[in-house]
Structures are given as structure tokens and as C-alpha cells.
C-alpha atoms as a PDB file:
ATOM      1  CA  MET A   1     164.132 100.644  43.956  1.00  0.00           C
ATOM      2  CA  LYS A   2     164.430  96.896  44.242  1.00  0.00           C
ATOM      3  CA  TYR A   3     161.792  94.848  46.112  1.00  0.00           C
ATOM      4  CA  LYS A   4     162.303  91.362  47.281  1.00  0.00           C
ATOM      5  CA  PHE A   5     159.799  88.594  46.365  1.00  0.00           C
ATOM      6  CA  GLU A   6     159.605  84.964  47.491  1.00  0.00           C
ATOM      7  CA  ALA A   7     158.161  81.923  45.811  1.00  0.00           C
ATOM      8  CA  TRP A   8     156.394  79.356  47.977  1.00  0.00           C
ATOM      9  CA  ALA A   9     154.709  76.063  47.022  1.00  0.00           C
ATOM     10  CA  ASP A  10     151.871  74.424  49.000  1.00  0.00           C
ATOM     11  CA  ASP A  11     148.950  72.170  48.314  1.00  0.00           C
ATOM     12  CA  ASP A  12     147.148  74.982  46.395  1.00  0.00           C
ATOM     13  CA  GLY A  13     150.099  75.614  44.049  1.00  0.00           C
ATOM     14  CA  VAL A  14     152.906  78.171  43.783  1.00  0.00           C
ATOM     15  CA  SER A  15     152.683  81.779  45.035  1.00  0.00           C
ATOM     16  CA  LEU A  16     154.930  84.685  44.489  1.00  0.00           C
ATOM     17  CA  VAL A  17     154.599  87.235  47.278  1.00  0.00           C
ATOM     18  CA  ALA A  18     156.479  90.305  48.543  1.00  0.00           C
ATOM     19  CA  SER A  19     158.980  89.098  51.234  1.00  0.00           C
ATOM     20  CA  ASP A  20     157.624  91.546  53.822  1.00  0.00           C
ATOM     21  CA  ASN A  21     154.164  90.062  53.343  1.00  0.00           C
ATOM     22  CA  VAL A  22     155.052  86.389  53.757  1.00  0.00           C
ATOM     23  CA  LYS A  23     154.485  86.283  57.570  1.00  0.00           C
ATOM     24  CA  TRP A  24     151.136  87.969  57.295  1.00  0.00           C
ATOM     25  CA  GLN A  25     150.007  85.490  54.632  1.00  0.00           C
ATOM     26  CA  GLN A  26     151.134  82.568  56.817  1.00  0.00           C
ATOM     27  CA  GLU A  27     149.305  84.023  59.874  1.00  0.00           C
ATOM     28  CA  ASN A  28     146.177  84.392  57.840  1.00  0.00           C
ATOM     29  CA  ASN A  29     146.306  80.948  56.265  1.00  0.00           C
ATOM     30  CA  LEU A  30     146.896  82.264  52.740  1.00  0.00           C
ATOM     31  CA  LEU A  31     150.064  80.133  52.540  1.00  0.00           C
ATOM     32  CA  GLY A  32     149.681  76.535  53.789  1.00  0.00           C
ATOM     33  CA  LYS A  33     151.332  75.531  57.072  1.00  0.00           C
ATOM     34  CA  HIS A  34     153.638  73.200  55.159  1.00  0.00           C
ATOM     35  CA  ALA A  35     154.449  75.604  52.418  1.00  0.00           C
ATOM     36  CA  LYS A  36     157.954  75.139  50.974  1.00  0.00           C
ATOM     37  CA  PHE A  37     160.243  78.016  50.118  1.00  0.00           C
ATOM     38  CA  LEU A  38     161.399  77.810  46.452  1.00  0.00           C
ATOM     39  CA  HIS A  39     163.369  80.946  45.742  1.00  0.00           C
ATOM     40  CA  SER A  40     163.683  84.710  46.107  1.00  0.00           C
ATOM     41  CA  ILE A  41     163.867  87.401  43.518  1.00  0.00           C
ATOM     42  CA  GLU A  42     164.893  91.025  43.698  1.00  0.00           C
ATOM     43  CA  ALA A  43     163.103  93.192  41.116  1.00  0.00           C
ATOM     44  CA  ASP A  44     161.999  96.770  40.483  1.00  0.00           C
ATOM     45  CA  THR A  45     158.331  95.728  39.866  1.00  0.00           C
ATOM     46  CA  HIS A  46     155.977  92.908  40.306  1.00  0.00           C
ATOM     47  CA  GLU A  47     155.968  92.337  36.543  1.00  0.00           C
ATOM     48  CA  GLU A  48     159.792  92.023  36.486  1.00  0.00           C
ATOM     49  CA  ALA A  49     159.628  89.569  39.365  1.00  0.00           C
ATOM     50  CA  MET A  50     156.961  87.459  37.643  1.00  0.00           C
ATOM     51  CA  ALA A  51     159.078  87.352  34.436  1.00  0.00           C
ATOM     52  CA  VAL A  52     162.129  85.989  36.380  1.00  0.00           C
ATOM     53  CA  HIS A  53     159.870  83.702  38.422  1.00  0.00           C
ATOM     54  CA  HIS A  54     158.510  82.170  35.176  1.00  0.00           C
ATOM     55  CA  ILE A  55     162.048  81.553  33.927  1.00  0.00           C
ATOM     56  CA  LYS A  56     163.099  79.892  37.208  1.00  0.00           C
ATOM     57  CA  MET A  57     159.992  77.700  37.139  1.00  0.00           C
ATOM     58  CA  GLY A  58     160.554  76.636  33.570  1.00  0.00           C
ATOM     59  CA  TRP A  59     157.160  78.063  32.581  1.00  0.00           C
ATOM     60  CA  GLU A  60     156.053  79.931  29.491  1.00  0.00           C
ATOM     61  CA  PRO A  61     157.075  83.614  29.310  1.00  0.00           C
ATOM     62  CA  TYR A  62     155.138  85.856  31.699  1.00  0.00           C
ATOM     63  CA  LYS A  63     152.595  88.225  30.032  1.00  0.00           C
ATOM     64  CA  PRO A  64     151.805  91.241  32.133  1.00  0.00           C
ATOM     65  CA  MET A  65     148.163  92.513  32.375  1.00  0.00           C
ATOM     66  CA  GLY A  66     147.266  95.115  29.864  1.00  0.00           C
ATOM     67  CA  GLU A  67     149.469  97.186  27.593  1.00  0.00           C
ATOM     68  CA  ALA A  68     152.753  98.963  28.687  1.00  0.00           C
ATOM     69  CA  LYS A  69     152.416 102.718  28.884  1.00  0.00           C
ATOM     70  CA  SER A  70     154.948 105.602  29.279  1.00  0.00           C
ATOM     71  CA  CYS A  71     155.327 106.748  32.912  1.00  0.00           C
ATOM     72  CA  PRO A  72     153.079 109.851  33.451  1.00  0.00           C
ATOM     73  CA  LYS A  73     155.910 111.406  35.567  1.00  0.00           C
ATOM     74  CA  GLY A  74     158.065 111.757  32.495  1.00  0.00           C
ATOM     75  CA  CYS A  75     160.936 109.560  33.638  1.00  0.00           C
ATOM     76  CA  GLY A  76     160.925 107.694  30.288  1.00  0.00           C
ATOM     77  CA  ALA A  77     160.203 104.248  31.691  1.00  0.00           C
ATOM     78  CA  TYR A  78     157.285 101.957  30.687  1.00  0.00           C
ATOM     79  CA  PHE A  79     154.946 100.476  33.197  1.00  0.00           C
ATOM     80  CA  TYR A  80     151.738  98.440  33.365  1.00  0.00           C
ATOM     81  CA  PRO A  81     148.904 100.502  34.800  1.00  0.00           C
ATOM     82  CA  GLU A  82     146.454  97.602  34.580  1.00  0.00           C
ATOM     83  CA  GLY A  83     148.993  95.352  36.410  1.00  0.00           C
ATOM     84  CA  SER A  84     150.919  96.537  39.470  1.00  0.00           C
ATOM     85  CA  GLY A  85     151.005 100.137  38.301  1.00  0.00           C
ATOM     86  CA  GLU A  86     154.610 100.339  39.507  1.00  0.00           C
ATOM     87  CA  CYS A  87     157.174 102.392  37.564  1.00  0.00           C
ATOM     88  CA  PRO A  88     160.551 100.637  37.394  1.00  0.00           C
ATOM     89  CA  LYS A  89     162.413 103.969  37.559  1.00  0.00           C
ATOM     90  CA  CYS A  90     160.254 106.080  39.959  1.00  0.00           C
ATOM     91  CA  GLY A  91     159.696 103.091  42.283  1.00  0.00           C
ATOM     92  CA  LYS A  92     156.163 104.010  43.017  1.00  0.00           C
ATOM     93  CA  ILE A  93     152.703 103.412  41.805  1.00  0.00           C
ATOM     94  CA  CYS A  94     151.973 105.929  39.000  1.00  0.00           C
END
């Protein structure tokens, strides 16, 4: 399942957030009032979105937290339990 993420820049730097969470972050002052939209990304997991985000920003390659492990549900995909914990095939936190 694809999720949509958005990159925003403000005085504190650049943030990549789930699109459905942007309004809440703005209302709670986690994104500055003058934050500028940079780009959106559709990805299966936060790790995939961060990898694409790093490419778009011209940054070094993204390194996910922890080691990749095989999905415990047996779908054959790898995920990062110490990162988002999202399986790119199952579409849920494993």
C-alpha cells in the first residue's frame, strides 16, 4: 500500500511528514507558519520515502535505522523493525 509523504522547509530545517499529518503539525506549531512545500513522495514505507527524499534533496544516501529483517508474516519482504517497522508488502507494522 502506498502512502503519501510531503517535504516542508522552515527555519528549523527540512521535515518529511505523512501527508495526512501535515495539518496537525501546522496546527501544533511543529511546522513553522511560513513553511514552504518542497515535494511529495508516494512510497510503501517511511524508509523508502526517506531514500527518495534524500535523492531529491541531493543528500547522501539514506541509511535506515537498524538492520533489515525478513517479515515475520512470511511474505518474503524485508523491513526495518528498529525504524518504522512497516513491511513494504503487508502494508502494516510487523
